[in-house]
Amino acid sequence: MAASRLLLIRHGQTFSNVSGSLDTAIPGADLTPLGVRQAEALPAALADARIDRLHVSRLVRTQQTAAPLATARGLEAAVTPDLEEISAGDLEMRSDEEAVTEWHHTLVAWFKGDLEAKVTGSETGHEFLARYDAAIGSVMDAAPDGSHVAVVSHGAAIRLWTHLRVDEADDAVMPPLEERIENTGRFVLDLPAGAAAGERRWRLVEHHLAPAGGEAVSDHDTTPDPTGDID
């Protein structure tokens, strides 16, 4: 029985990334022209990666990002609830420094163990982990053992969930939480063969914080993009 693999891919650049807005609600902003090019670069960038199934969140930016990859691989990009970004609650669509700082500080509090912390109108760390765990669990449970599953999701959600749920990763593999994941950056995790559905022990095997297509589709940190980093 082979290990299963999970590729967590951040969506391409959106207009809200460019404006620095906390855009976490459904349906969310569309991809920018750069975001479209980032999505179009994914099939070639992942040409050597086996992908058996492909899932996206209910936010349109993940669906737009996954479309070229789905076409290239002959896969359906299955819309899966609860893979969405960490909610900004009452801070939704704000871009001011006070709002972004409050949201980031809440996420850092989760990382440090205070899972009761929350932005007003948002979710606690416990609630985020419960729904993201359930979503990833449903994705993996629907695939045969040994499958390689790609999920196009969201920057902060990918970073926090990976940091809090990886059981084994050496310091050379796990990047510091404050390092930014750019649009179409990705994390690759393995689940050992025979791991029980409720007792997953993920291992981070590699990470790529830069866009999958490389420098040609990087924004070179020219945008505020509050969901790309956690500091």
Protein backbone atom coordinates (compact mmCIF):
# COMPACT_ATOMS: atom_id res chain seq x y z
CA MET A 1 0.00 0.00 0.00
CA ALA A 2 1.54 3.31 -1.12
CA ALA A 3 1.54 6.67 0.63
CA SER A 4 -0.99 9.24 -0.55
CA ARG A 5 0.16 12.70 -1.63
CA LEU A 6 -1.52 16.09 -1.24
CA LEU A 7 -0.53 19.16 -3.28
CA LEU A 8 -1.85 22.38 -1.75
CA ILE A 9 -1.65 25.11 -4.39
CA ARG A 10 -2.42 28.76 -3.79
CA HIS A 11 -4.65 30.47 -6.37
CA GLY A 12 -3.35 33.00 -8.90
CA GLN A 13 -3.19 36.75 -8.30
CA THR A 14 -6.54 38.52 -7.86
CA PHE A 15 -7.63 42.14 -8.03
CA SER A 16 -8.05 42.05 -4.24
CA ASN A 17 -4.44 40.89 -3.84
CA VAL A 18 -3.37 43.96 -5.81
CA SER A 19 -5.51 46.34 -3.74
CA GLY A 20 -4.43 44.68 -0.50
CA SER A 21 -8.00 43.85 0.50
CA LEU A 22 -9.02 41.10 2.93
CA ASP A 23 -11.19 39.27 0.42
CA THR A 24 -12.30 35.98 2.02
CA ALA A 25 -16.05 35.70 1.31
CA ILE A 26 -17.76 33.80 -1.48
CA PRO A 27 -17.54 34.36 -4.48
CA GLY A 28 -14.48 36.64 -4.16
CA ALA A 29 -12.50 38.53 -6.77
CA ASP A 30 -11.47 37.30 -10.21
CA LEU A 31 -7.90 36.70 -11.35
CA THR A 32 -5.94 39.63 -12.77
CA PRO A 33 -4.28 39.26 -16.18
CA LEU A 34 -1.12 38.22 -14.28
CA GLY A 35 -3.19 35.71 -12.29
CA VAL A 36 -4.48 34.22 -15.55
CA ARG A 37 -0.89 33.83 -16.80
CA GLN A 38 0.06 32.19 -13.49
CA ALA A 39 -2.82 29.73 -13.91
CA GLU A 40 -1.80 29.04 -17.51
CA ALA A 41 1.74 28.29 -16.33
CA LEU A 42 0.62 25.57 -13.92
CA PRO A 43 0.32 22.64 -16.38
CA ALA A 44 3.90 22.99 -17.60
CA ALA A 45 5.25 23.74 -14.12
CA LEU A 46 3.58 20.60 -12.72
CA ALA A 47 4.27 18.41 -15.74
CA ASP A 48 6.31 15.96 -13.67
CA ALA A 49 3.79 15.82 -10.81
CA ARG A 50 1.30 12.98 -10.78
CA ILE A 51 -2.24 14.28 -10.15
CA ASP A 52 -5.14 11.86 -9.93
CA ARG A 53 -7.81 14.23 -8.62
CA LEU A 54 -8.26 17.99 -8.47
CA HIS A 55 -10.31 20.01 -5.98
CA VAL A 56 -11.03 23.73 -5.57
CA SER A 57 -12.82 25.95 -3.07
CA ARG A 58 -16.10 27.80 -3.64
CA LEU A 59 -14.22 31.05 -4.37
CA VAL A 60 -13.99 31.73 -8.09
CA ARG A 61 -10.26 32.50 -8.04
CA THR A 62 -9.42 28.88 -7.22
CA GLN A 63 -11.70 27.61 -9.99
CA GLN A 64 -10.14 30.00 -12.52
CA THR A 65 -6.65 28.96 -11.40
CA ALA A 66 -7.40 25.25 -11.70
CA ALA A 67 -9.08 25.44 -15.12
CA PRO A 68 -5.93 25.18 -17.31
CA LEU A 69 -4.58 22.33 -15.18
CA ALA A 70 -7.90 20.49 -15.33
CA THR A 71 -8.00 20.82 -19.12
CA ALA A 72 -4.41 19.68 -19.54
CA ARG A 73 -4.92 16.60 -17.34
CA GLY A 74 -8.44 15.72 -18.41
CA LEU A 75 -9.67 16.12 -14.83
CA GLU A 76 -12.74 17.71 -13.26
CA ALA A 77 -11.96 20.49 -10.80
CA ALA A 78 -14.40 19.44 -8.06
CA VAL A 79 -15.76 22.34 -6.02
CA THR A 80 -15.38 21.30 -2.38
CA PRO A 81 -16.91 23.28 0.51
CA ASP A 82 -14.76 24.44 3.44
CA LEU A 83 -11.51 24.78 1.50
CA GLU A 84 -12.04 28.55 1.60
CA GLU A 85 -9.72 31.20 3.03
CA ILE A 86 -9.70 32.02 6.75
CA SER A 87 -12.59 34.41 7.25
CA ALA A 88 -11.88 38.10 7.79
CA GLY A 89 -15.28 38.56 9.47
CA ASP A 90 -16.12 42.22 10.06
CA LEU A 91 -12.83 43.19 8.41
CA GLU A 92 -13.95 41.81 5.05
CA MET A 93 -12.68 43.86 2.08
CA ARG A 94 -10.78 46.30 4.27
CA SER A 95 -7.23 47.11 3.22
CA ASP A 96 -6.12 49.57 5.89
CA GLU A 97 -3.12 48.74 8.08
CA GLU A 98 -5.21 48.43 11.26
CA ALA A 99 -7.49 45.78 9.76
CA VAL A 100 -4.72 43.77 8.11
CA THR A 101 -2.64 43.84 11.31
CA GLU A 102 -5.59 42.65 13.42
CA TRP A 103 -6.25 39.74 11.05
CA HIS A 104 -2.58 38.75 10.95
CA HIS A 105 -2.21 38.94 14.73
CA THR A 106 -5.17 36.57 15.11
CA LEU A 107 -3.51 34.02 12.82
CA VAL A 108 -0.21 34.28 14.69
CA ALA A 109 -2.12 33.71 17.94
CA TRP A 110 -3.46 30.43 16.50
CA PHE A 111 0.03 29.37 15.52
CA LYS A 112 1.19 30.03 19.10
CA GLY A 113 -1.63 27.90 20.52
CA ASP A 114 -4.43 30.38 21.23
CA LEU A 115 -7.07 28.79 19.04
CA GLU A 116 -9.85 30.74 20.78
CA ALA A 117 -8.66 34.00 19.21
CA LYS A 118 -10.88 35.44 16.50
CA VAL A 119 -11.65 38.56 14.53
CA THR A 120 -15.16 39.85 15.25
CA GLY A 121 -17.63 38.11 12.98
CA SER A 122 -15.06 35.52 11.91
CA GLU A 123 -14.06 32.02 13.07
CA THR A 124 -11.86 30.75 15.88
CA GLY A 125 -8.81 28.64 15.20
CA HIS A 126 -10.76 25.61 16.41
CA GLU A 127 -13.53 26.33 13.91
CA PHE A 128 -11.12 26.89 11.03
CA LEU A 129 -9.22 23.68 11.72
CA ALA A 130 -12.43 21.68 12.11
CA ARG A 131 -13.82 22.73 8.74
CA TYR A 132 -10.50 22.55 6.86
CA ASP A 133 -9.69 19.17 8.42
CA ALA A 134 -13.11 17.92 7.34
CA ALA A 135 -12.65 19.24 3.80
CA ILE A 136 -9.20 17.68 3.37
CA GLY A 137 -10.50 14.49 4.99
CA SER A 138 -13.38 14.25 2.53
CA VAL A 139 -11.03 14.88 -0.40
CA MET A 140 -8.62 12.15 0.66
CA ASP A 141 -11.30 9.68 1.75
CA ALA A 142 -12.89 9.89 -1.71
CA ALA A 143 -9.61 8.90 -3.37
CA PRO A 144 -8.10 5.39 -3.34
CA ASP A 145 -5.09 4.79 -1.11
CA GLY A 146 -1.92 5.96 -2.79
CA SER A 147 -3.65 8.70 -4.79
CA HIS A 148 -2.03 12.04 -5.56
CA VAL A 149 -4.58 14.80 -4.98
CA ALA A 150 -4.19 18.50 -5.88
CA VAL A 151 -6.18 21.17 -4.02
CA VAL A 152 -6.25 24.79 -5.17
CA SER A 153 -6.95 26.82 -2.06
CA HIS A 154 -5.83 30.01 -0.28
CA GLY A 155 -2.61 31.44 1.11
CA ALA A 156 -3.30 31.89 4.81
CA ALA A 157 -5.38 28.72 5.02
CA ILE A 158 -2.61 26.65 3.42
CA ARG A 159 0.11 28.16 5.62
CA LEU A 160 -1.74 27.81 8.93
CA TRP A 161 -3.19 24.36 8.28
CA THR A 162 0.17 22.99 7.17
CA HIS A 163 2.02 24.43 10.17
CA LEU A 164 -0.58 23.11 12.60
CA ARG A 165 -1.21 19.70 11.06
CA VAL A 166 2.15 18.43 9.83
CA ASP A 167 3.42 15.74 12.15
CA GLU A 168 6.93 15.41 10.79
CA ALA A 169 8.97 18.03 8.95
CA ASP A 170 12.55 19.02 9.50
CA ASP A 171 13.58 22.65 9.71
CA ALA A 172 14.99 22.55 6.19
CA VAL A 173 11.56 21.76 4.76
CA MET A 174 9.11 23.82 6.84
CA PRO A 175 9.50 27.51 6.00
CA PRO A 176 9.10 30.13 8.74
CA LEU A 177 5.48 31.23 9.07
CA GLU A 178 6.31 34.82 8.13
CA GLU A 179 7.73 33.87 4.73
CA ARG A 180 5.27 34.81 2.03
CA ILE A 181 3.63 32.23 -0.23
CA GLU A 182 3.17 33.87 -3.61
CA ASN A 183 0.29 33.16 -5.93
CA THR A 184 0.48 29.56 -7.27
CA GLY A 185 3.08 28.65 -4.67
CA ARG A 186 2.53 25.16 -3.25
CA PHE A 187 3.14 22.72 -0.42
CA VAL A 188 3.54 18.98 -1.00
CA LEU A 189 2.56 16.61 1.82
CA ASP A 190 2.60 12.83 2.16
CA LEU A 191 0.23 10.69 4.19
CA PRO A 192 1.79 7.34 5.18
CA ALA A 193 0.08 4.22 3.88
CA GLY A 194 -2.58 2.85 6.19
CA ALA A 195 -3.06 6.08 8.19
CA ALA A 196 -6.55 6.14 9.70
CA ALA A 197 -8.94 8.82 8.42
CA GLY A 198 -9.23 10.44 11.85
CA GLU A 199 -5.55 10.07 12.72
CA ARG A 200 -3.77 11.64 9.80
CA ARG A 201 -0.05 12.19 10.27
CA TRP A 202 1.00 14.40 7.40
CA ARG A 203 4.64 14.86 6.46
CA LEU A 204 5.75 17.95 4.56
CA VAL A 205 8.13 16.78 1.85
CA GLU A 206 8.69 19.99 -0.08
CA HIS A 207 7.48 23.55 -0.45
CA HIS A 208 7.63 26.13 -3.21
CA LEU A 209 6.79 29.65 -2.05
CA ALA A 210 7.40 31.25 -5.45
CA PRO A 211 4.87 31.03 -8.30
CA ALA A 212 4.79 27.66 -10.03
CA GLY A 213 5.75 29.29 -13.32
CA GLY A 214 8.83 30.98 -11.87
CA GLU A 215 10.09 34.52 -12.38
CA ALA A 216 8.11 35.04 -15.57
CA VAL A 217 4.84 35.11 -13.61
CA SER A 218 6.05 36.59 -10.32
CA ASP A 219 4.78 39.95 -9.09
CA HIS A 220 8.14 40.50 -7.34
CA ASP A 221 6.44 41.55 -4.09
CA THR A 222 5.02 44.68 -5.68
CA THR A 223 1.52 44.23 -4.24
CA PRO A 224 0.26 44.44 -0.62
CA ASP A 225 -1.43 40.99 -0.82
CA PRO A 226 -2.39 40.52 2.87
CA THR A 227 -3.35 36.84 2.51
CA GLY A 228 0.04 35.90 1.09
CA ASP A 229 2.01 36.38 4.28
CA ILE A 230 1.44 36.10 8.01
CA ASP A 231 3.56 38.34 10.20
